[in-house]
N, C-alpha and C. Protein backbone atom coordinates (compact mmCIF):
# COMPACT_ATOMS: atom_id res chain seq x y z
N MET A 1 99.88 -190.90 -69.41
CA MET A 1 99.15 -190.27 -70.44
C MET A 1 98.73 -188.85 -69.81
N ILE A 2 98.73 -187.85 -70.62
CA ILE A 2 98.39 -186.50 -70.17
C ILE A 2 96.95 -186.37 -70.17
N GLN A 3 96.30 -185.95 -69.09
CA GLN A 3 94.88 -185.82 -68.88
C GLN A 3 94.39 -184.34 -69.07
N ASP A 4 95.30 -183.39 -68.88
CA ASP A 4 94.95 -182.04 -68.97
C ASP A 4 95.00 -181.46 -70.39
N PRO A 5 93.88 -181.17 -71.03
CA PRO A 5 93.92 -180.83 -72.52
C PRO A 5 94.75 -179.49 -72.65
N GLU A 6 94.66 -178.55 -71.71
CA GLU A 6 95.41 -177.25 -71.85
C GLU A 6 96.95 -177.57 -71.92
N TYR A 7 97.37 -178.44 -70.92
CA TYR A 7 98.79 -178.79 -70.95
C TYR A 7 99.19 -179.48 -72.22
N SER A 8 98.34 -180.33 -72.76
CA SER A 8 98.60 -180.90 -74.03
C SER A 8 98.80 -179.92 -75.22
N ARG A 9 97.93 -178.91 -75.15
CA ARG A 9 97.95 -177.89 -76.26
C ARG A 9 99.32 -177.05 -76.08
N ARG A 10 99.68 -176.77 -74.81
CA ARG A 10 101.00 -176.07 -74.64
C ARG A 10 102.14 -176.90 -75.14
N LEU A 11 102.15 -178.22 -74.87
CA LEU A 11 103.19 -179.00 -75.41
C LEU A 11 103.25 -179.06 -76.91
N ALA A 12 102.07 -179.21 -77.46
CA ALA A 12 102.00 -179.24 -78.98
C ALA A 12 102.41 -177.78 -79.55
N GLN A 13 102.08 -176.75 -78.85
CA GLN A 13 102.54 -175.48 -79.30
C GLN A 13 104.06 -175.33 -79.31
N ASN A 14 104.59 -175.81 -78.21
CA ASN A 14 106.10 -175.84 -78.09
C ASN A 14 106.73 -176.73 -79.15
N LEU A 15 106.13 -177.87 -79.40
CA LEU A 15 106.72 -178.69 -80.42
C LEU A 15 106.58 -178.03 -81.79
N LEU A 16 105.49 -177.35 -82.06
CA LEU A 16 105.33 -176.63 -83.35
C LEU A 16 106.43 -175.56 -83.52
N GLU A 17 106.58 -174.78 -82.43
CA GLU A 17 107.64 -173.69 -82.47
C GLU A 17 109.08 -174.22 -82.68
N LEU A 18 109.29 -175.43 -82.10
CA LEU A 18 110.59 -176.05 -82.16
C LEU A 18 110.85 -176.61 -83.52
N LEU A 19 109.83 -177.27 -84.16
CA LEU A 19 110.07 -177.97 -85.41
C LEU A 19 109.87 -177.12 -86.72
N SER A 20 109.16 -176.06 -86.61
CA SER A 20 108.94 -175.28 -87.81
C SER A 20 110.19 -174.81 -88.58
N PRO A 21 111.14 -174.25 -87.85
CA PRO A 21 112.37 -173.87 -88.50
C PRO A 21 113.11 -175.03 -89.10
N TYR A 22 113.00 -176.20 -88.47
CA TYR A 22 113.67 -177.37 -89.06
C TYR A 22 112.93 -177.80 -90.41
N GLU A 23 111.67 -177.66 -90.37
CA GLU A 23 110.93 -177.93 -91.67
C GLU A 23 111.35 -177.05 -92.74
N GLU A 24 111.50 -175.80 -92.45
CA GLU A 24 111.99 -174.76 -93.48
C GLU A 24 113.33 -175.16 -94.04
N GLU A 25 114.20 -175.50 -93.15
CA GLU A 25 115.48 -175.90 -93.58
C GLU A 25 115.52 -177.22 -94.44
N LEU A 26 114.71 -178.12 -93.99
CA LEU A 26 114.56 -179.38 -94.68
C LEU A 26 113.97 -179.28 -96.06
N ILE A 27 113.06 -178.29 -96.22
CA ILE A 27 112.51 -177.94 -97.50
C ILE A 27 113.66 -177.50 -98.49
N GLN A 28 114.47 -176.61 -97.92
CA GLN A 28 115.63 -176.13 -98.76
C GLN A 28 116.58 -177.23 -99.14
N LEU A 29 116.86 -178.16 -98.10
CA LEU A 29 117.78 -179.30 -98.40
C LEU A 29 117.19 -180.27 -99.37
N GLU A 30 115.93 -180.48 -99.29
CA GLU A 30 115.28 -181.32 -100.21
C GLU A 30 115.35 -180.98 -101.68
N ARG A 31 115.37 -179.73 -101.87
CA ARG A 31 115.53 -179.12 -103.27
C ARG A 31 116.84 -179.61 -103.85
N ASP A 32 117.93 -179.54 -103.02
CA ASP A 32 119.24 -179.95 -103.48
C ASP A 32 119.47 -181.42 -103.41
N ILE A 33 118.98 -182.04 -102.31
CA ILE A 33 119.23 -183.48 -102.06
C ILE A 33 117.89 -184.11 -101.79
N PRO A 34 117.30 -184.77 -102.80
CA PRO A 34 116.04 -185.34 -102.68
C PRO A 34 115.95 -186.46 -101.58
N ALA A 35 117.06 -186.97 -101.12
CA ALA A 35 117.08 -187.94 -100.09
C ALA A 35 116.51 -187.41 -98.70
N PHE A 36 116.40 -186.07 -98.58
CA PHE A 36 115.88 -185.50 -97.39
C PHE A 36 114.25 -185.52 -97.40
N ALA A 37 113.76 -185.91 -98.45
CA ALA A 37 112.18 -185.91 -98.59
C ALA A 37 111.51 -186.65 -97.45
N PRO A 38 111.96 -187.88 -97.19
CA PRO A 38 111.21 -188.70 -96.18
C PRO A 38 111.34 -187.99 -94.70
N LEU A 39 112.48 -187.47 -94.49
CA LEU A 39 112.63 -186.70 -93.17
C LEU A 39 111.75 -185.48 -93.13
N ARG A 40 111.78 -184.72 -94.28
CA ARG A 40 110.86 -183.55 -94.29
C ARG A 40 109.40 -183.90 -94.19
N ARG A 41 109.03 -184.97 -94.79
CA ARG A 41 107.62 -185.44 -94.70
C ARG A 41 107.26 -185.87 -93.28
N ALA A 42 108.22 -186.51 -92.56
CA ALA A 42 108.01 -186.92 -91.19
C ALA A 42 107.89 -185.71 -90.26
N VAL A 43 108.74 -184.78 -90.47
CA VAL A 43 108.65 -183.55 -89.68
C VAL A 43 107.37 -182.79 -90.00
N GLY A 44 106.87 -182.82 -91.23
CA GLY A 44 105.66 -182.17 -91.65
C GLY A 44 104.39 -182.88 -90.96
N ILE A 45 104.51 -184.17 -90.91
CA ILE A 45 103.36 -184.91 -90.22
C ILE A 45 103.27 -184.55 -88.78
N VAL A 46 104.46 -184.54 -88.10
CA VAL A 46 104.45 -184.20 -86.67
C VAL A 46 103.87 -182.78 -86.53
N ILE A 47 104.29 -181.84 -87.29
CA ILE A 47 103.74 -180.50 -87.17
C ILE A 47 102.29 -180.50 -87.41
N ALA A 48 101.80 -181.22 -88.44
CA ALA A 48 100.31 -181.33 -88.71
C ALA A 48 99.58 -181.92 -87.44
N GLU A 49 100.17 -182.91 -86.95
CA GLU A 49 99.53 -183.44 -85.68
C GLU A 49 99.51 -182.51 -84.45
N ALA A 50 100.63 -181.70 -84.33
CA ALA A 50 100.66 -180.65 -83.29
C ALA A 50 99.63 -179.62 -83.57
N CYS A 51 99.41 -179.29 -84.88
CA CYS A 51 98.45 -178.20 -85.15
C CYS A 51 97.08 -178.79 -84.80
N TYR A 52 96.82 -180.00 -85.07
CA TYR A 52 95.53 -180.62 -84.77
C TYR A 52 95.29 -180.66 -83.30
N ALA A 53 96.30 -180.96 -82.54
CA ALA A 53 96.13 -181.08 -80.97
C ALA A 53 95.90 -179.61 -80.47
N ILE A 54 96.52 -178.64 -81.13
CA ILE A 54 96.27 -177.19 -80.60
C ILE A 54 94.85 -176.81 -80.95
N SER A 55 94.36 -177.11 -82.07
CA SER A 55 93.04 -176.66 -82.61
C SER A 55 91.83 -177.54 -82.13
N ASP A 56 92.16 -178.73 -81.64
CA ASP A 56 91.14 -179.68 -81.29
C ASP A 56 90.54 -179.28 -79.96
N ARG A 57 89.37 -178.52 -80.04
CA ARG A 57 88.66 -178.06 -78.78
C ARG A 57 87.42 -178.75 -78.72
N PRO A 58 87.14 -179.26 -77.58
CA PRO A 58 85.81 -179.99 -77.41
C PRO A 58 84.60 -179.03 -77.50
N VAL A 59 83.57 -179.44 -78.08
CA VAL A 59 82.45 -178.65 -78.27
C VAL A 59 81.72 -178.55 -76.88
N ALA A 60 81.43 -177.37 -76.44
CA ALA A 60 80.69 -177.23 -75.20
C ALA A 60 79.33 -177.68 -75.33
N GLN A 61 78.80 -178.41 -74.30
CA GLN A 61 77.41 -178.94 -74.32
C GLN A 61 76.39 -177.83 -74.43
N ASP A 62 76.66 -176.67 -73.88
CA ASP A 62 75.80 -175.58 -73.88
C ASP A 62 75.48 -175.12 -75.31
N SER A 63 76.42 -175.32 -76.25
CA SER A 63 76.24 -174.83 -77.62
C SER A 63 75.33 -175.77 -78.49
N LEU A 64 75.06 -176.91 -77.89
CA LEU A 64 74.34 -177.97 -78.71
C LEU A 64 72.84 -177.60 -78.68
N VAL A 65 72.34 -176.92 -77.75
CA VAL A 65 70.87 -176.58 -77.69
C VAL A 65 70.68 -175.16 -77.55
N PRO A 66 69.70 -174.51 -78.21
CA PRO A 66 69.47 -173.09 -78.05
C PRO A 66 69.00 -172.72 -76.61
N PRO A 67 69.36 -171.55 -76.27
CA PRO A 67 68.89 -171.09 -74.87
C PRO A 67 67.47 -171.08 -74.70
N MET A 68 66.97 -171.14 -73.49
CA MET A 68 65.54 -171.32 -73.17
C MET A 68 64.82 -169.98 -73.53
N ASP A 69 65.50 -168.87 -73.48
CA ASP A 69 64.89 -167.58 -73.81
C ASP A 69 65.02 -167.16 -75.32
N ASP A 70 65.18 -168.21 -76.13
CA ASP A 70 65.39 -167.92 -77.60
C ASP A 70 64.03 -167.54 -78.19
N GLN A 71 64.16 -166.81 -79.16
CA GLN A 71 62.93 -166.19 -79.90
C GLN A 71 62.05 -167.32 -80.26
N ALA A 72 62.54 -168.38 -80.85
CA ALA A 72 61.73 -169.48 -81.30
C ALA A 72 60.91 -170.16 -80.07
N GLU A 73 61.56 -170.25 -78.94
CA GLU A 73 60.92 -170.79 -77.79
C GLU A 73 59.75 -169.88 -77.34
N GLN A 74 59.88 -168.69 -77.53
CA GLN A 74 58.79 -167.69 -77.03
C GLN A 74 57.54 -167.78 -77.98
N THR A 75 57.68 -168.28 -79.21
CA THR A 75 56.56 -168.32 -80.08
C THR A 75 55.76 -169.56 -79.97
N ARG A 76 56.22 -170.50 -79.16
CA ARG A 76 55.50 -171.80 -79.01
C ARG A 76 54.37 -171.68 -78.07
């Protein structure tokens, strides 16, 4: 299992770049041959998962609490 989140994001980005043109082609093929719909949906799901992996950033703990020199802290 991959432990480095940045490496995972790079892999997902590569997958996205690789599959996007295929999805475009499958969309065109699906219009003429509806039997391509399941394959187009499967590729679309993989692309959506890759996008999620790319955009899934952990929330930094620092952003959960206001800084100590915050204006509200000074009025207490």
